[in-house]
Amino acid sequence: MTIEQFKSSLGKGIPPGLSVYLESLWHDGNGDWEKSHTVIQDVEDKNAAWIHAYLHRKEGDIWNADYWYRRAGKTRPSDSLQHEWDQLVKAFL
């Protein structure tokens, strides 16, 4: 699947075979922050921490976002949320 195919699936039923990471990003891409957060919040690895960080950055909870970026071994980016979302999707495709 390419990022273009992933983006074109937004607004439709969840494409089959998505990892938990892509499922979370898919829900966020569809404007459902709560569902995206619910999907990823109990996954205990650095990949999930990165998505968790992004979601809290998007929410505006920067202190919490920074905590999750540290758990992911990353620093909070200064680029747009859309750019980070694109980077996340590309990383997990």
N, C-alpha and C. Protein backbone atom coordinates (compact mmCIF):
# COMPACT_ATOMS: atom_id res chain seq x y z
N MET A 1 0.85 -1.18 0.00
CA MET A 1 0.00 0.00 0.00
C MET A 1 0.89 1.23 0.00
N THR A 2 0.55 2.21 -0.79
CA THR A 2 1.27 3.49 -0.83
C THR A 2 0.54 4.48 0.08
N ILE A 3 1.21 5.58 0.36
CA ILE A 3 0.56 6.62 1.18
C ILE A 3 -0.66 7.17 0.45
N GLU A 4 -0.59 7.24 -0.87
CA GLU A 4 -1.73 7.73 -1.64
C GLU A 4 -2.93 6.78 -1.50
N GLN A 5 -2.67 5.49 -1.55
CA GLN A 5 -3.74 4.51 -1.36
C GLN A 5 -4.30 4.59 0.06
N PHE A 6 -3.42 4.76 1.02
CA PHE A 6 -3.86 4.89 2.41
C PHE A 6 -4.76 6.12 2.55
N LYS A 7 -4.32 7.25 2.01
CA LYS A 7 -5.13 8.47 2.10
C LYS A 7 -6.46 8.32 1.37
N SER A 8 -6.46 7.61 0.24
CA SER A 8 -7.71 7.44 -0.50
C SER A 8 -8.69 6.53 0.22
N SER A 9 -8.20 5.75 1.19
CA SER A 9 -9.09 4.88 1.97
C SER A 9 -9.79 5.64 3.10
N LEU A 10 -9.34 6.86 3.39
CA LEU A 10 -9.97 7.64 4.45
C LEU A 10 -11.42 7.92 4.07
N GLY A 11 -12.28 7.85 5.03
CA GLY A 11 -13.71 8.08 4.79
C GLY A 11 -14.45 6.83 4.36
N LYS A 12 -13.74 5.74 4.19
CA LYS A 12 -14.35 4.46 3.82
C LYS A 12 -14.16 3.51 4.99
N GLY A 13 -14.64 2.29 4.88
CA GLY A 13 -14.38 1.29 5.91
C GLY A 13 -12.90 1.07 6.07
N ILE A 14 -12.47 0.65 7.25
CA ILE A 14 -11.05 0.43 7.50
C ILE A 14 -10.52 -0.60 6.51
N PRO A 15 -9.47 -0.27 5.77
CA PRO A 15 -8.88 -1.25 4.86
C PRO A 15 -8.40 -2.48 5.64
N PRO A 16 -8.58 -3.66 5.09
CA PRO A 16 -8.17 -4.87 5.81
C PRO A 16 -6.66 -4.95 5.96
N GLY A 17 -6.24 -5.59 7.03
CA GLY A 17 -4.83 -5.89 7.22
C GLY A 17 -3.99 -4.75 7.74
N LEU A 18 -4.59 -3.73 8.34
CA LEU A 18 -3.79 -2.64 8.89
C LEU A 18 -3.18 -3.05 10.22
N SER A 19 -1.94 -2.64 10.44
CA SER A 19 -1.33 -2.81 11.75
C SER A 19 -2.05 -1.90 12.74
N VAL A 20 -1.83 -2.11 14.01
CA VAL A 20 -2.44 -1.26 15.03
C VAL A 20 -1.98 0.19 14.84
N TYR A 21 -0.75 0.38 14.38
CA TYR A 21 -0.21 1.73 14.18
C TYR A 21 -0.98 2.44 13.06
N LEU A 22 -1.14 1.75 11.93
CA LEU A 22 -1.85 2.36 10.81
C LEU A 22 -3.34 2.52 11.10
N GLU A 23 -3.90 1.59 11.86
CA GLU A 23 -5.31 1.74 12.23
C GLU A 23 -5.51 3.01 13.05
N SER A 24 -4.62 3.25 14.00
CA SER A 24 -4.71 4.46 14.80
C SER A 24 -4.59 5.71 13.93
N LEU A 25 -3.61 5.71 13.03
CA LEU A 25 -3.43 6.86 12.14
C LEU A 25 -4.59 7.02 11.18
N TRP A 26 -5.19 5.90 10.77
CA TRP A 26 -6.35 5.95 9.88
C TRP A 26 -7.51 6.67 10.57
N HIS A 27 -7.75 6.31 11.83
CA HIS A 27 -8.84 6.97 12.58
C HIS A 27 -8.55 8.46 12.74
N ASP A 28 -7.29 8.80 13.04
CA ASP A 28 -6.95 10.21 13.16
C ASP A 28 -7.14 10.93 11.83
N GLY A 29 -6.75 10.29 10.75
CA GLY A 29 -6.93 10.88 9.43
C GLY A 29 -8.39 11.09 9.07
N ASN A 30 -9.27 10.35 9.72
CA ASN A 30 -10.71 10.50 9.53
C ASN A 30 -11.32 11.45 10.54
N GLY A 31 -10.48 12.13 11.31
CA GLY A 31 -10.97 13.12 12.26
C GLY A 31 -11.47 12.55 13.57
N ASP A 32 -11.15 11.29 13.87
CA ASP A 32 -11.61 10.67 15.11
C ASP A 32 -10.43 10.49 16.06
N TRP A 33 -10.04 11.59 16.71
CA TRP A 33 -8.90 11.58 17.63
C TRP A 33 -9.12 10.57 18.75
N GLU A 34 -10.33 10.55 19.31
CA GLU A 34 -10.63 9.65 20.44
C GLU A 34 -10.40 8.19 20.07
N LYS A 35 -10.91 7.77 18.93
CA LYS A 35 -10.75 6.37 18.50
C LYS A 35 -9.28 6.09 18.23
N SER A 36 -8.59 7.02 17.60
CA SER A 36 -7.17 6.87 17.32
C SER A 36 -6.40 6.65 18.63
N HIS A 37 -6.70 7.46 19.63
CA HIS A 37 -6.04 7.37 20.92
C HIS A 37 -6.38 6.05 21.61
N THR A 38 -7.64 5.65 21.55
CA THR A 38 -8.06 4.39 22.18
C THR A 38 -7.33 3.20 21.57
N VAL A 39 -7.16 3.21 20.25
CA VAL A 39 -6.49 2.10 19.57
C VAL A 39 -5.03 1.97 20.00
N ILE A 40 -4.35 3.09 20.21
CA ILE A 40 -2.89 3.05 20.43
C ILE A 40 -2.48 3.14 21.90
N GLN A 41 -3.36 3.58 22.78
CA GLN A 41 -2.93 3.92 24.15
C GLN A 41 -2.40 2.74 24.96
N ASP A 42 -2.81 1.52 24.68
CA ASP A 42 -2.35 0.39 25.48
C ASP A 42 -1.23 -0.41 24.82
N VAL A 43 -0.72 0.07 23.68
CA VAL A 43 0.40 -0.60 23.02
C VAL A 43 1.68 -0.06 23.64
N GLU A 44 2.53 -0.97 24.07
CA GLU A 44 3.72 -0.60 24.87
C GLU A 44 5.01 -0.74 24.06
N ASP A 45 5.21 0.09 23.05
CA ASP A 45 6.49 0.09 22.35
C ASP A 45 6.79 1.49 21.85
N LYS A 46 7.99 1.68 21.31
CA LYS A 46 8.41 3.02 20.87
C LYS A 46 7.58 3.53 19.69
N ASN A 47 7.14 2.64 18.82
CA ASN A 47 6.32 3.06 17.69
C ASN A 47 5.00 3.65 18.18
N ALA A 48 4.37 2.96 19.11
CA ALA A 48 3.10 3.45 19.66
C ALA A 48 3.32 4.75 20.43
N ALA A 49 4.45 4.84 21.13
CA ALA A 49 4.76 6.07 21.86
C ALA A 49 4.87 7.26 20.91
N TRP A 50 5.44 7.04 19.73
CA TRP A 50 5.56 8.13 18.75
C TRP A 50 4.17 8.60 18.31
N ILE A 51 3.29 7.66 18.01
CA ILE A 51 1.92 8.04 17.61
C ILE A 51 1.21 8.72 18.78
N HIS A 52 1.38 8.19 19.96
CA HIS A 52 0.78 8.77 21.16
C HIS A 52 1.26 10.21 21.34
N ALA A 53 2.56 10.43 21.13
CA ALA A 53 3.13 11.78 21.23
C ALA A 53 2.48 12.72 20.22
N TYR A 54 2.40 12.27 18.98
CA TYR A 54 1.77 13.07 17.92
C TYR A 54 0.33 13.44 18.32
N LEU A 55 -0.42 12.46 18.81
CA LEU A 55 -1.82 12.71 19.17
C LEU A 55 -1.94 13.76 20.28
N HIS A 56 -1.06 13.69 21.27
CA HIS A 56 -1.12 14.68 22.35
C HIS A 56 -0.62 16.04 21.87
N ARG A 57 0.32 16.05 20.96
CA ARG A 57 0.73 17.33 20.34
C ARG A 57 -0.45 17.94 19.60
N LYS A 58 -1.16 17.12 18.86
CA LYS A 58 -2.33 17.59 18.12
C LYS A 58 -3.39 18.12 19.07
N GLU A 59 -3.54 17.46 20.19
CA GLU A 59 -4.53 17.86 21.20
C GLU A 59 -4.14 19.18 21.86
N GLY A 60 -2.85 19.53 21.79
CA GLY A 60 -2.37 20.75 22.43
C GLY A 60 -1.80 20.52 23.82
N ASP A 61 -1.69 19.26 24.22
CA ASP A 61 -1.13 18.88 25.52
C ASP A 61 0.38 18.65 25.34
N ILE A 62 1.12 19.73 25.24
CA ILE A 62 2.54 19.67 24.88
C ILE A 62 3.37 18.96 25.94
N TRP A 63 3.08 19.19 27.23
CA TRP A 63 3.83 18.51 28.28
C TRP A 63 3.71 17.00 28.12
N ASN A 64 2.50 16.52 27.93
CA ASN A 64 2.26 15.09 27.76
C ASN A 64 2.88 14.59 26.45
N ALA A 65 2.76 15.38 25.41
CA ALA A 65 3.37 15.01 24.12
C ALA A 65 4.87 14.82 24.28
N ASP A 66 5.53 15.75 24.97
CA ASP A 66 6.97 15.65 25.16
C ASP A 66 7.35 14.39 25.94
N TYR A 67 6.55 14.03 26.92
CA TYR A 67 6.78 12.78 27.64
C TYR A 67 6.77 11.60 26.68
N TRP A 68 5.78 11.54 25.80
CA TRP A 68 5.67 10.43 24.85
C TRP A 68 6.75 10.47 23.79
N TYR A 69 7.16 11.68 23.36
CA TYR A 69 8.29 11.75 22.42
C TYR A 69 9.55 11.18 23.07
N ARG A 70 9.77 11.50 24.33
CA ARG A 70 10.94 10.93 25.02
C ARG A 70 10.85 9.41 25.06
N ARG A 71 9.68 8.86 25.36
CA ARG A 71 9.51 7.40 25.39
C ARG A 71 9.74 6.79 24.02
N ALA A 72 9.46 7.56 22.98
CA ALA A 72 9.68 7.08 21.61
C ALA A 72 11.12 7.26 21.16
N GLY A 73 11.92 7.96 21.96
CA GLY A 73 13.30 8.24 21.57
C GLY A 73 13.39 9.32 20.51
N LYS A 74 12.43 10.24 20.53
CA LYS A 74 12.36 11.31 19.53
C LYS A 74 12.20 12.65 20.23
N THR A 75 12.40 13.71 19.46
CA THR A 75 12.11 15.05 19.96
C THR A 75 10.90 15.59 19.22
N ARG A 76 10.19 16.48 19.87
CA ARG A 76 9.00 17.06 19.25
C ARG A 76 9.41 17.85 18.00
N PRO A 77 8.80 17.54 16.86
CA PRO A 77 9.15 18.26 15.63
C PRO A 77 8.56 19.66 15.63
N SER A 78 9.14 20.51 14.82
CA SER A 78 8.63 21.87 14.70
C SER A 78 7.82 22.06 13.42
N ASP A 79 7.71 21.00 12.63
CA ASP A 79 6.94 21.10 11.39
C ASP A 79 5.45 20.90 11.68
N SER A 80 4.66 20.95 10.65
CA SER A 80 3.20 20.89 10.81
C SER A 80 2.75 19.51 11.28
N LEU A 81 1.57 19.48 11.88
CA LEU A 81 0.97 18.21 12.27
C LEU A 81 0.73 17.32 11.05
N GLN A 82 0.31 17.93 9.95
CA GLN A 82 0.06 17.15 8.74
C GLN A 82 1.35 16.48 8.25
N HIS A 83 2.45 17.20 8.31
CA HIS A 83 3.73 16.63 7.88
C HIS A 83 4.11 15.47 8.79
N GLU A 84 3.91 15.64 10.09
CA GLU A 84 4.25 14.55 11.01
C GLU A 84 3.34 13.34 10.75
N TRP A 85 2.05 13.57 10.52
CA TRP A 85 1.14 12.47 10.23
C TRP A 85 1.61 11.72 8.98
N ASP A 86 1.98 12.47 7.94
CA ASP A 86 2.49 11.85 6.72
C ASP A 86 3.74 11.00 7.02
N GLN A 87 4.65 11.53 7.83
CA GLN A 87 5.86 10.81 8.20
C GLN A 87 5.53 9.53 8.97
N LEU A 88 4.58 9.62 9.87
CA LEU A 88 4.16 8.45 10.62
C LEU A 88 3.58 7.38 9.69
N VAL A 89 2.69 7.79 8.81
CA VAL A 89 2.08 6.82 7.88
C VAL A 89 3.16 6.16 7.04
N LYS A 90 4.06 6.95 6.48
CA LYS A 90 5.14 6.40 5.66
C LYS A 90 6.00 5.41 6.46
N ALA A 91 6.24 5.72 7.73
CA ALA A 91 7.08 4.86 8.56
C ALA A 91 6.45 3.51 8.81
N PHE A 92 5.11 3.44 8.82
CA PHE A 92 4.44 2.20 9.18
C PHE A 92 3.83 1.45 7.99
N LEU A 93 3.95 2.04 6.81
CA LEU A 93 3.47 1.31 5.61
C LEU A 93 4.42 0.19 5.23
